[in-house]
PDB file of N, CA and C in Angstrom:
ATOM      1  N   MET A   1      -0.456  -1.815  15.688  1.00  0.00           N
ATOM      2  CA  MET A   1      -0.720  -2.877  14.724  1.00  0.00           C
ATOM      3  C   MET A   1      -1.700  -2.362  13.670  1.00  0.00           C
ATOM      4  N   ASN A   2      -1.399  -2.688  12.433  1.00  0.00           N
ATOM      5  CA  ASN A   2      -2.338  -2.295  11.396  1.00  0.00           C
ATOM      6  C   ASN A   2      -3.391  -3.382  11.196  1.00  0.00           C
ATOM      7  N   ALA A   3      -4.401  -3.058  10.419  1.00  0.00           N
ATOM      8  CA  ALA A   3      -5.537  -3.957  10.246  1.00  0.00           C
ATOM      9  C   ALA A   3      -5.140  -5.248   9.539  1.00  0.00           C
ATOM     10  N   LEU A   4      -4.207  -5.168   8.587  1.00  0.00           N
ATOM     11  CA  LEU A   4      -3.810  -6.360   7.847  1.00  0.00           C
ATOM     12  C   LEU A   4      -3.125  -7.375   8.755  1.00  0.00           C
ATOM     13  N   SER A   5      -2.246  -6.919   9.612  1.00  0.00           N
ATOM     14  CA  SER A   5      -1.562  -7.856  10.508  1.00  0.00           C
ATOM     15  C   SER A   5      -2.532  -8.476  11.504  1.00  0.00           C
ATOM     16  N   ILE A   6      -3.534  -7.730  11.906  1.00  0.00           N
ATOM     17  CA  ILE A   6      -4.545  -8.281  12.807  1.00  0.00           C
ATOM     18  C   ILE A   6      -5.353  -9.353  12.081  1.00  0.00           C
ATOM     19  N   PHE A   7      -5.749  -9.063  10.835  1.00  0.00           N
ATOM     20  CA  PHE A   7      -6.529 -10.029  10.062  1.00  0.00           C
ATOM     21  C   PHE A   7      -5.722 -11.290   9.788  1.00  0.00           C
ATOM     22  N   LEU A   8      -4.473 -11.136   9.371  1.00  0.00           N
ATOM     23  CA  LEU A   8      -3.649 -12.301   9.066  1.00  0.00           C
ATOM     24  C   LEU A   8      -3.318 -13.097  10.316  1.00  0.00           C
ATOM     25  N   GLY A   9      -3.342 -12.451  11.444  1.00  0.00           N
ATOM     26  CA  GLY A   9      -3.067 -13.144  12.686  1.00  0.00           C
ATOM     27  C   GLY A   9      -4.168 -14.104  13.092  1.00  0.00           C
ATOM     28  N   ILE A  10      -5.400 -13.861  12.662  1.00  0.00           N
ATOM     29  CA  ILE A  10      -6.505 -14.724  13.052  1.00  0.00           C
ATOM     30  C   ILE A  10      -6.821 -15.790  12.015  1.00  0.00           C
ATOM     31  N   VAL A  11      -6.149 -15.743  10.845  1.00  0.00           N
ATOM     32  CA  VAL A  11      -6.386 -16.756   9.821  1.00  0.00           C
ATOM     33  C   VAL A  11      -5.261 -17.777   9.923  1.00  0.00           C
ATOM     34  N   GLY A  12      -5.632 -18.985  10.249  1.00  0.00           N
ATOM     35  CA  GLY A  12      -4.649 -20.052  10.387  1.00  0.00           C
ATOM     36  C   GLY A  12      -5.043 -21.257   9.558  1.00  0.00           C
ATOM     37  N   VAL A  13      -4.349 -22.335   9.753  1.00  0.00           N
ATOM     38  CA  VAL A  13      -4.609 -23.564   9.003  1.00  0.00           C
ATOM     39  C   VAL A  13      -6.021 -24.087   9.255  1.00  0.00           C
ATOM     40  N   PRO A  14      -6.505 -24.131  10.493  1.00  0.00           N
ATOM     41  CA  PRO A  14      -7.879 -24.642  10.695  1.00  0.00           C
ATOM     42  C   PRO A  14      -8.933 -23.808   9.959  1.00  0.00           C
ATOM     43  N   GLN A  15      -8.738 -22.501   9.906  1.00  0.00           N
ATOM     44  CA  GLN A  15      -9.702 -21.655   9.209  1.00  0.00           C
ATOM     45  C   GLN A  15      -9.672 -21.909   7.698  1.00  0.00           C
ATOM     46  N   VAL A  16      -8.488 -22.086   7.154  1.00  0.00           N
ATOM     47  CA  VAL A  16      -8.370 -22.361   5.719  1.00  0.00           C
ATOM     48  C   VAL A  16      -9.007 -23.704   5.387  1.00  0.00           C
ATOM     49  N   VAL A  17      -8.766 -24.704   6.202  1.00  0.00           N
ATOM     50  CA  VAL A  17      -9.372 -26.029   5.995  1.00  0.00           C
ATOM     51  C   VAL A  17     -10.889 -25.925   6.056  1.00  0.00           C
ATOM     52  N   LEU A  18     -11.401 -25.166   6.996  1.00  0.00           N
ATOM     53  CA  LEU A  18     -12.844 -24.984   7.123  1.00  0.00           C
ATOM     54  C   LEU A  18     -13.433 -24.340   5.870  1.00  0.00           C
ATOM     55  N   VAL A  19     -12.780 -23.332   5.341  1.00  0.00           N
ATOM     56  CA  VAL A  19     -13.252 -22.666   4.120  1.00  0.00           C
ATOM     57  C   VAL A  19     -13.248 -23.642   2.951  1.00  0.00           C
ATOM     58  N   VAL A  20     -12.191 -24.440   2.819  1.00  0.00           N
ATOM     59  CA  VAL A  20     -12.110 -25.418   1.730  1.00  0.00           C
ATOM     60  C   VAL A  20     -13.234 -26.447   1.847  1.00  0.00           C
ATOM     61  N   VAL A  21     -13.503 -26.923   3.043  1.00  0.00           N
ATOM     62  CA  VAL A  21     -14.578 -27.902   3.248  1.00  0.00           C
ATOM     63  C   VAL A  21     -15.929 -27.287   2.888  1.00  0.00           C
ATOM     64  N   ILE A  22     -16.155 -26.056   3.296  1.00  0.00           N
ATOM     65  CA  ILE A  22     -17.422 -25.382   2.976  1.00  0.00           C
ATOM     66  C   ILE A  22     -17.563 -25.209   1.469  1.00  0.00           C
ATOM     67  N   LEU A  23     -16.486 -24.829   0.794  1.00  0.00           N
ATOM     68  CA  LEU A  23     -16.532 -24.693  -0.660  1.00  0.00           C
ATOM     69  C   LEU A  23     -16.849 -26.021  -1.335  1.00  0.00           C
ATOM     70  N   LEU A  24     -16.246 -27.088  -0.867  1.00  0.00           N
ATOM     71  CA  LEU A  24     -16.532 -28.409  -1.430  1.00  0.00           C
ATOM     72  C   LEU A  24     -17.993 -28.800  -1.227  1.00  0.00           C
ATOM     73  N   LEU A  25     -18.528 -28.481  -0.059  1.00  0.00           N
ATOM     74  CA  LEU A  25     -19.931 -28.811   0.205  1.00  0.00           C
ATOM     75  C   LEU A  25     -20.879 -27.978  -0.650  1.00  0.00           C
ATOM     76  N   LEU A  26     -20.554 -26.711  -0.844  1.00  0.00           N
ATOM     77  CA  LEU A  26     -21.433 -25.829  -1.606  1.00  0.00           C
ATOM     78  C   LEU A  26     -21.389 -26.093  -3.108  1.00  0.00           C
ATOM     79  N   PHE A  27     -20.196 -26.278  -3.645  1.00  0.00           N
ATOM     80  CA  PHE A  27     -20.053 -26.350  -5.092  1.00  0.00           C
ATOM     81  C   PHE A  27     -19.773 -27.748  -5.620  1.00  0.00           C
ATOM     82  N   GLY A  28     -19.308 -28.641  -4.810  1.00  0.00           N
ATOM     83  CA  GLY A  28     -19.002 -29.992  -5.260  1.00  0.00           C
ATOM     84  C   GLY A  28     -17.621 -30.060  -5.896  1.00  0.00           C
ATOM     85  N   GLY A  29     -17.113 -31.261  -6.017  1.00  0.00           N
ATOM     86  CA  GLY A  29     -15.764 -31.468  -6.520  1.00  0.00           C
ATOM     87  C   GLY A  29     -15.582 -31.114  -7.982  1.00  0.00           C
ATOM     88  N   LYS A  30     -16.629 -31.258  -8.787  1.00  0.00           N
ATOM     89  CA  LYS A  30     -16.498 -30.995 -10.222  1.00  0.00           C
ATOM     90  C   LYS A  30     -16.493 -29.504 -10.539  1.00  0.00           C
ATOM     91  N   LYS A  31     -17.120 -28.709  -9.713  1.00  0.00           N
ATOM     92  CA  LYS A  31     -17.247 -27.277  -9.990  1.00  0.00           C
ATOM     93  C   LYS A  31     -16.043 -26.482  -9.512  1.00  0.00           C
ATOM     94  N   ILE A  32     -15.318 -26.989  -8.524  1.00  0.00           N
ATOM     95  CA  ILE A  32     -14.180 -26.266  -7.945  1.00  0.00           C
ATOM     96  C   ILE A  32     -13.100 -25.966  -8.989  1.00  0.00           C
ATOM     97  N   PRO A  33     -12.668 -26.927  -9.828  1.00  0.00           N
ATOM     98  CA  PRO A  33     -11.641 -26.592 -10.830  1.00  0.00           C
ATOM     99  C   PRO A  33     -12.083 -25.489 -11.786  1.00  0.00           C
ATOM    100  N   GLU A  34     -13.344 -25.484 -12.157  1.00  0.00           N
ATOM    101  CA  GLU A  34     -13.865 -24.430 -13.037  1.00  0.00           C
ATOM    102  C   GLU A  34     -13.789 -23.066 -12.340  1.00  0.00           C
ATOM    103  N   LEU A  35     -14.151 -23.038 -11.066  1.00  0.00           N
ATOM    104  CA  LEU A  35     -14.093 -21.789 -10.309  1.00  0.00           C
ATOM    105  C   LEU A  35     -12.659 -21.285 -10.180  1.00  0.00           C
ATOM    106  N   MET A  36     -11.724 -22.191  -9.915  1.00  0.00           N
ATOM    107  CA  MET A  36     -10.327 -21.793  -9.768  1.00  0.00           C
ATOM    108  C   MET A  36      -9.745 -21.321 -11.096  1.00  0.00           C
ATOM    109  N   LYS A  37     -10.160 -21.970 -12.196  1.00  0.00           N
ATOM    110  CA  LYS A  37      -9.702 -21.551 -13.522  1.00  0.00           C
ATOM    111  C   LYS A  37     -10.199 -20.139 -13.815  1.00  0.00           C
ATOM    112  N   GLY A  38     -11.442 -19.865 -13.497  1.00  0.00           N
ATOM    113  CA  GLY A  38     -11.993 -18.530 -13.689  1.00  0.00           C
ATOM    114  C   GLY A  38     -11.311 -17.498 -12.815  1.00  0.00           C
ATOM    115  N   LEU A  39     -11.024 -17.874 -11.589  1.00  0.00           N
ATOM    116  CA  LEU A  39     -10.319 -16.974 -10.674  1.00  0.00           C
ATOM    117  C   LEU A  39      -8.916 -16.691 -11.176  1.00  0.00           C
ATOM    118  N   GLY A  40      -8.233 -17.722 -11.645  1.00  0.00           N
ATOM    119  CA  GLY A  40      -6.879 -17.559 -12.173  1.00  0.00           C
ATOM    120  C   GLY A  40      -6.843 -16.673 -13.401  1.00  0.00           C
ATOM    121  N   SER A  41      -7.794 -16.855 -14.309  1.00  0.00           N
ATOM    122  CA  SER A  41      -7.820 -16.013 -15.508  1.00  0.00           C
ATOM    123  C   SER A  41      -8.177 -14.572 -15.149  1.00  0.00           C
ATOM    124  N   GLY A  42      -9.004 -14.388 -14.144  1.00  0.00           N
ATOM    125  CA  GLY A  42      -9.330 -13.036 -13.695  1.00  0.00           C
ATOM    126  C   GLY A  42      -8.130 -12.326 -13.097  1.00  0.00           C
ATOM    127  N   ILE A  43      -7.352 -13.058 -12.313  1.00  0.00           N
ATOM    128  CA  ILE A  43      -6.140 -12.482 -11.722  1.00  0.00           C
ATOM    129  C   ILE A  43      -5.132 -12.157 -12.814  1.00  0.00           C
ATOM    130  N   LYS A  44      -4.998 -13.053 -13.791  1.00  0.00           N
ATOM    131  CA  LYS A  44      -4.066 -12.833 -14.898  1.00  0.00           C
ATOM    132  C   LYS A  44      -4.465 -11.591 -15.693  1.00  0.00           C
ATOM    133  N   GLU A  45      -5.749 -11.449 -15.959  1.00  0.00           N
ATOM    134  CA  GLU A  45      -6.255 -10.283 -16.690  1.00  0.00           C
ATOM    135  C   GLU A  45      -6.009  -8.996 -15.903  1.00  0.00           C
ATOM    136  N   PHE A  46      -6.197  -9.055 -14.595  1.00  0.00           N
ATOM    137  CA  PHE A  46      -5.958  -7.888 -13.742  1.00  0.00           C
ATOM    138  C   PHE A  46      -4.491  -7.484 -13.774  1.00  0.00           C
ATOM    139  N   LYS A  47      -3.599  -8.461 -13.682  1.00  0.00           N
ATOM    140  CA  LYS A  47      -2.164  -8.171 -13.728  1.00  0.00           C
ATOM    141  C   LYS A  47      -1.775  -7.554 -15.065  1.00  0.00           C
ATOM    142  N   ASN A  48      -2.318  -8.095 -16.161  1.00  0.00           N
ATOM    143  CA  ASN A  48      -2.013  -7.542 -17.480  1.00  0.00           C
ATOM    144  C   ASN A  48      -2.503  -6.105 -17.603  1.00  0.00           C
ATOM    145  N   ALA A  49      -3.684  -5.829 -17.089  1.00  0.00           N
ATOM    146  CA  ALA A  49      -4.220  -4.471 -17.143  1.00  0.00           C
ATOM    147  C   ALA A  49      -3.375  -3.525 -16.290  1.00  0.00           C
ATOM    148  N   ALA A  50      -2.908  -4.001 -15.146  1.00  0.00           N
ATOM    149  CA  ALA A  50      -2.069  -3.175 -14.286  1.00  0.00           C
ATOM    150  C   ALA A  50      -0.735  -2.872 -14.959  1.00  0.00           C
ATOM    151  N   LYS A  51      -0.141  -3.872 -15.619  1.00  0.00           N
ATOM    152  CA  LYS A  51       1.116  -3.662 -16.344  1.00  0.00           C
ATOM    153  C   LYS A  51       0.915  -2.677 -17.483  1.00  0.00           C
ATOM    154  N   GLU A  52      -0.194  -2.829 -18.198  1.00  0.00           N
ATOM    155  CA  GLU A  52      -0.502  -1.939 -19.320  1.00  0.00           C
ATOM    156  C   GLU A  52      -0.643  -0.500 -18.828  1.00  0.00           C
ATOM    157  N   GLU A  53      -1.324  -0.333 -17.725  1.00  0.00           N
ATOM    158  CA  GLU A  53      -1.508   1.008 -17.147  1.00  0.00           C
ATOM    159  C   GLU A  53      -0.170   1.582 -16.683  1.00  0.00           C
ATOM    160  N   GLU A  54       0.665   0.735 -16.102  1.00  0.00           N
ATOM    161  CA  GLU A  54       1.988   1.174 -15.648  1.00  0.00           C
ATOM    162  C   GLU A  54       2.843   1.607 -16.846  1.00  0.00           C
ATOM    163  N   ASN A  55       2.766   0.838 -17.927  1.00  0.00           N
ATOM    164  CA  ASN A  55       3.520   1.201 -19.137  1.00  0.00           C
ATOM    165  C   ASN A  55       3.024   2.516 -19.722  1.00  0.00           C
ATOM    166  N   LYS A  56       1.714   2.714 -19.682  1.00  0.00           N
ATOM    167  CA  LYS A  56       1.136   3.968 -20.166  1.00  0.00           C
ATOM    168  C   LYS A  56       1.652   5.148 -19.350  1.00  0.00           C
ATOM    169  N   ASP A  57       1.681   4.955 -18.027  1.00  0.00           N
ATOM    170  CA  ASP A  57       2.159   6.017 -17.135  1.00  0.00           C
ATOM    171  C   ASP A  57       3.630   6.317 -17.373  1.00  0.00           C
ATOM    172  N   SER A  58       4.445   5.270 -17.570  1.00  0.00           N
ATOM    173  CA  SER A  58       5.876   5.500 -17.772  1.00  0.00           C
ATOM    174  C   SER A  58       6.124   6.176 -19.118  1.00  0.00           C
ATOM    175  N   LYS A  59       5.359   5.825 -20.153  1.00  0.00           N
ATOM    176  CA  LYS A  59       5.493   6.490 -21.446  1.00  0.00           C
ATOM    177  C   LYS A  59       5.068   7.947 -21.342  1.00  0.00           C
ATOM    178  N   LYS A  60       4.022   8.198 -20.553  1.00  0.00           N
ATOM    179  CA  LYS A  60       3.540   9.561 -20.348  1.00  0.00           C
ATOM    180  C   LYS A  60       4.600  10.386 -19.633  1.00  0.00           C
ATOM    181  N   ASP A  61       5.237   9.793 -18.615  1.00  0.00           N
ATOM    182  CA  ASP A  61       6.314  10.469 -17.885  1.00  0.00           C
ATOM    183  C   ASP A  61       7.499  10.746 -18.780  1.00  0.00           C
ATOM    184  N   ASP A  62       7.844   9.799 -19.659  1.00  0.00           N
ATOM    185  CA  ASP A  62       8.958   9.973 -20.583  1.00  0.00           C
ATOM    186  C   ASP A  62       8.703  11.110 -21.560  1.00  0.00           C
ATOM    187  N   SER A  63       7.481  11.212 -22.041  1.00  0.00           N
ATOM    188  CA  SER A  63       7.151  12.261 -23.015  1.00  0.00           C
ATOM    189  C   SER A  63       7.146  13.641 -22.358  1.00  0.00           C
ATOM    190  N   THR A  64       6.786  13.716 -21.087  1.00  0.00           N
ATOM    191  CA  THR A  64       6.769  15.015 -20.417  1.00  0.00           C
ATOM    192  C   THR A  64       8.188  15.467 -20.054  1.00  0.00           C
ATOM    193  N   THR A  65       9.103  14.530 -19.825  1.00  0.00           N
ATOM    194  CA  THR A  65      10.485  14.921 -19.492  1.00  0.00           C
ATOM    195  C   THR A  65      11.263  15.339 -20.728  1.00  0.00           C
ATOM    196  N   LYS A  66      10.834  14.884 -21.909  1.00  0.00           N
ATOM    197  CA  LYS A  66      11.533  15.240 -23.150  1.00  0.00           C
ATOM    198  C   LYS A  66      11.200  16.649 -23.618  1.00  0.00           C
ATOM    199  N   GLU A  67      10.074  17.173 -23.165  1.00  0.00           N
ATOM    200  CA  GLU A  67       9.643  18.501 -23.619  1.00  0.00           C
ATOM    201  C   GLU A  67      10.463  19.604 -23.057  1.00  0.00           C
TER     202      GLU A  67
END
């Protein structure tokens, strides 16, 4: 068994509910949407940067095969 399957095996619905409750207690209901919006924009930015890097690599590969 790899580490990821072991980790995912111990995370279930009760654990997720517990994390959500703790987040609500720590940050309150008004702050959670702001945090999720920031998290979403961060993930979107990461994906765009990864795509950009992938495109750079594929263009680099194309230029080396043409030589």
